[in-house]
Protein backbone atom coordinates (compact mmCIF):
# COMPACT_ATOMS: atom_id res chain seq x y z
CA MET A 1 115.93 95.45 57.07
CA SER A 2 113.19 93.19 55.43
CA SER A 3 110.69 95.07 53.67
CA GLN A 4 107.45 94.17 55.82
CA LEU A 5 109.97 95.74 58.61
CA GLU A 6 109.99 98.66 56.86
CA ALA A 7 105.92 98.39 55.89
CA ILE A 8 105.12 98.12 59.27
CA ASN A 9 107.70 101.20 60.14
CA SER A 10 105.90 103.07 58.59
CA GLU A 11 102.31 102.28 58.69
CA PHE A 12 102.62 102.68 62.65
CA ALA A 13 105.82 104.83 63.33
CA ASN A 14 102.56 107.40 64.75
CA ASN A 15 100.22 105.07 65.61
CA PRO A 16 101.90 103.55 69.33
CA GLN A 17 98.88 101.56 70.68
CA GLY A 18 98.62 100.27 67.32
CA LEU A 19 102.01 99.17 67.06
CA ILE A 20 102.13 97.32 70.24
CA GLU A 21 99.07 95.17 69.16
CA TRP A 22 100.44 94.24 66.13
CA ALA A 23 103.92 93.49 67.73
CA LEU A 24 102.31 90.96 70.50
CA ALA A 25 101.06 89.38 67.71
CA GLN A 26 104.18 88.54 66.32
CA GLY A 27 105.41 86.06 69.23
CA ALA A 28 104.37 84.28 72.18
CA ARG A 29 107.49 85.89 74.85
CA PRO A 30 107.55 89.36 75.07
CA ILE A 31 108.78 91.47 77.70
CA CYS A 32 108.92 95.27 78.09
CA THR A 33 112.11 96.14 79.54
CA THR A 34 112.36 99.38 82.28
CA ASN A 35 114.69 101.47 84.43
CA PHE A 36 112.36 103.52 86.17
CA ARG A 37 113.25 106.73 84.92
CA PRO A 38 110.79 109.77 83.94
CA PHE A 39 107.96 109.02 81.84
CA GLU A 40 108.50 104.82 82.01
CA ALA A 41 104.63 105.21 83.49
CA VAL A 42 103.29 105.61 79.81
CA ILE A 43 105.34 102.13 78.21
CA LEU A 44 103.89 100.35 81.16
CA HIS A 45 100.86 101.26 80.81
CA MET A 46 100.91 100.77 77.31
CA VAL A 47 101.42 97.33 77.34
CA THR A 48 99.55 96.71 79.90
CA GLN A 49 96.43 97.53 78.30
CA VAL A 50 97.04 95.10 75.86
CA ARG A 51 98.59 92.63 77.71
CA PRO A 52 97.94 92.75 81.48
CA ASP A 53 100.30 89.39 82.58
CA ILE A 54 103.41 90.44 80.19
CA PRO A 55 106.84 90.00 81.80
CA ILE A 56 108.52 93.58 82.47
CA VAL A 57 111.94 93.28 83.45
CA TRP A 58 114.44 95.50 85.72
CA MET A 59 117.73 94.51 86.22
CA ASP A 60 118.25 96.95 88.71
CA SER A 61 122.22 98.42 89.71
CA GLY A 62 121.32 98.87 93.13
CA TYR A 63 122.43 102.14 92.22
CA ASN A 64 119.02 104.17 91.83
CA THR A 65 118.03 107.15 93.82
CA GLU A 66 114.97 107.13 96.52
CA ALA A 67 112.75 108.49 94.08
CA THR A 68 113.53 105.94 92.18
CA TYR A 69 112.37 103.07 94.37
CA GLN A 70 109.35 104.92 95.19
CA PHE A 71 108.41 105.59 91.96
CA ALA A 72 108.87 101.51 90.67
CA ASP A 73 106.95 100.83 93.83
CA GLU A 74 104.42 102.96 92.92
CA VAL A 75 104.40 102.36 89.59
CA ILE A 76 103.85 98.37 90.26
CA LYS A 77 101.28 98.52 92.35
CA GLN A 78 99.33 100.94 90.24
CA LEU A 79 99.51 98.99 87.18
CA ASN A 80 99.43 95.40 88.69
CA LEU A 81 102.96 94.87 87.41
CA ASN A 82 104.47 91.26 87.00
CA LEU A 83 107.90 92.69 87.30
CA VAL A 84 110.29 90.39 87.10
CA SER A 85 113.60 92.08 88.26
CA PHE A 86 117.85 90.77 87.94
CA ILE A 87 120.80 92.02 89.51
CA PRO A 88 123.61 92.11 89.84
CA GLN A 89 125.54 88.87 90.74
CA ARG A 90 127.52 91.32 93.76
CA THR A 91 125.26 93.64 95.78
CA ARG A 92 126.40 97.12 95.22
CA ALA A 93 128.25 96.38 99.10
CA HIS A 94 129.65 94.06 97.82
CA ARG A 95 131.34 96.00 95.01
CA GLU A 96 132.03 98.80 97.01
CA ALA A 97 133.89 97.46 100.03
CA LEU A 98 136.69 95.89 97.49
CA GLU A 99 136.34 98.52 94.94
CA GLY A 100 135.39 101.82 96.16
CA PRO A 101 132.58 103.45 94.09
CA MET A 102 131.22 103.64 91.53
CA PRO A 103 133.95 105.47 88.87
CA GLY A 104 134.00 107.92 86.79
CA ILE A 105 133.21 107.96 83.12
CA ASP A 106 136.48 108.94 82.97
CA ASP A 107 137.83 106.20 84.98
CA PRO A 108 138.73 103.52 82.02
CA ARG A 109 137.25 100.55 84.89
CA HIS A 110 133.52 102.32 83.89
CA ALA A 111 133.49 99.87 81.10
CA ALA A 112 134.00 96.52 83.00
CA PHE A 113 131.06 98.39 86.43
CA THR A 114 128.23 99.40 83.55
CA GLN A 115 128.83 95.10 82.09
CA GLU A 116 127.99 94.68 86.10
CA VAL A 117 125.65 96.12 86.94
CA LYS A 118 123.52 96.13 83.73
CA ILE A 119 124.93 93.99 80.52
CA GLU A 120 124.97 91.21 82.33
CA PRO A 121 121.60 90.89 84.21
CA PHE A 122 120.02 92.03 80.99
CA GLU A 123 122.41 88.46 78.91
CA ARG A 124 120.94 87.08 81.60
CA ALA A 125 117.73 88.18 81.48
CA LEU A 126 117.43 87.45 77.65
CA ARG A 127 119.09 83.67 78.06
CA GLU A 128 116.28 82.40 81.23
CA MET A 129 113.04 84.48 79.32
CA GLN A 130 114.21 83.70 76.21
CA PRO A 131 112.41 86.61 74.44
CA ASP A 132 110.75 87.21 70.83
CA VAL A 133 109.58 90.17 71.14
CA TRP A 134 111.10 92.81 73.39
CA PHE A 135 109.35 96.73 73.81
CA THR A 136 111.36 99.38 75.22
CA ALA A 137 110.79 102.86 76.16
CA LEU A 138 112.80 104.31 73.68
CA ARG A 139 112.66 107.81 72.42
CA ALA A 140 114.32 109.44 69.31
CA GLU A 141 115.15 112.97 70.86
CA ASP A 142 117.22 110.73 74.14
CA THR A 143 120.75 110.63 72.23
CA PRO A 144 121.84 111.04 68.34
CA GLU A 145 122.27 107.11 68.75
CA ARG A 146 118.81 106.84 68.93
CA ALA A 147 117.35 109.76 67.22
CA LYS A 148 118.54 107.16 63.83
CA MET A 149 116.73 104.22 65.48
CA GLN A 150 113.43 102.93 63.71
CA PRO A 151 110.77 102.24 66.16
CA VAL A 152 110.66 98.35 65.07
CA SER A 153 114.14 96.08 64.13
CA ARG A 154 115.33 92.70 64.40
CA ASN A 155 118.63 92.04 66.08
CA SER A 156 121.02 88.83 65.19
CA ASP A 157 119.16 86.80 66.98
CA GLY A 158 115.87 87.02 65.82
CA LEU A 159 114.70 88.96 68.64
CA LEU A 160 112.27 91.86 67.81
CA LYS A 161 112.64 94.93 69.47
CA VAL A 162 109.44 97.31 69.09
CA ALA A 163 109.46 101.10 70.39
CA PRO A 164 106.90 101.96 69.82
CA LEU A 165 107.37 105.55 71.57
CA LEU A 166 110.25 105.96 69.09
CA GLN A 167 109.04 109.45 67.56
CA TRP A 168 106.90 110.78 70.53
CA SER A 169 108.03 113.97 71.98
CA ALA A 170 108.82 115.30 76.61
CA LYS A 171 105.48 117.00 75.65
CA ASP A 172 103.20 114.02 74.17
CA MET A 173 104.71 111.50 77.31
CA TYR A 174 103.46 113.66 79.19
CA GLN A 175 100.59 114.03 78.20
CA TYR A 176 99.82 110.94 78.22
CA LEU A 177 100.53 110.83 82.41
CA GLN A 178 98.42 113.59 82.73
CA ALA A 179 94.57 112.05 80.44
CA HIS A 180 95.88 109.00 82.46
CA ASN A 181 96.70 109.43 86.07
CA LEU A 182 99.99 108.05 85.84
CA PRO A 183 102.41 109.25 87.89
CA ASN A 184 105.76 110.57 86.98
CA ASN A 185 109.44 110.08 88.56
CA PHE A 186 111.81 113.28 89.34
CA ASP A 187 114.30 112.11 90.43
CA TYR A 188 116.26 109.50 88.31
CA PHE A 189 120.16 108.58 88.01
CA ASP A 190 121.88 105.79 85.27
CA PRO A 191 125.05 105.24 87.29
CA THR A 192 126.60 103.59 83.26
CA LYS A 193 125.52 106.09 81.12
CA VAL A 194 125.98 109.94 84.08
CA GLU A 195 124.89 112.06 81.66
CA GLU A 196 121.83 112.40 79.86
CA LYS A 197 123.23 112.16 76.14
CA ARG A 198 124.94 109.77 77.01
CA GLU A 199 124.33 105.96 75.89
CA CYS A 200 125.41 103.31 77.99
CA GLY A 201 125.28 100.62 75.41
CA LEU A 202 123.27 98.50 76.13
CA HIS A 203 121.21 99.53 73.29
CA LEU A 204 123.71 99.77 71.12
CA GLN A 205 124.89 96.22 71.86
CA HIS A 206 121.46 94.71 71.60
């Protein structure tokens, strides 16, 4: 990591809003990804307070819960999000008609499933949108891999990856939602992770 990023990580480790403002000044094509999981309204509110029209990129696998779709609709309307959805090249109905229900994580077909419903749509989003700054709601307490990450990093393609909430706890997130009268999602399921502390691979590859 460059000395500049080390300094930025040190300066803004506990200042998400300041980090967002700094990062938005670093590029011309920022995006913020979301999966509308619990507490996701925090990052969506923070980034749109600074850049109301920032593209909010959603890789909709087609396997979300009803509550997640309802929550997404509520947050989109409340924050007037500039939502850009990327979906798998096959619908859920098409895939299941040929291959059956979602494979479990111990099934050898699960890696191909993850590639199809999450990673390929995300890589397509990167190709089409060509972002130079990527905001994500990753938090260190999510998984052991994320605990090793820094708030700001640069991937091999030069994309600036920014996780303003990396050091925040669930309590911090809850208090922010309460302070800003934001909704939450209590029924979320990621078919590519299944287990809460398991990585799907997207953030390990990018």
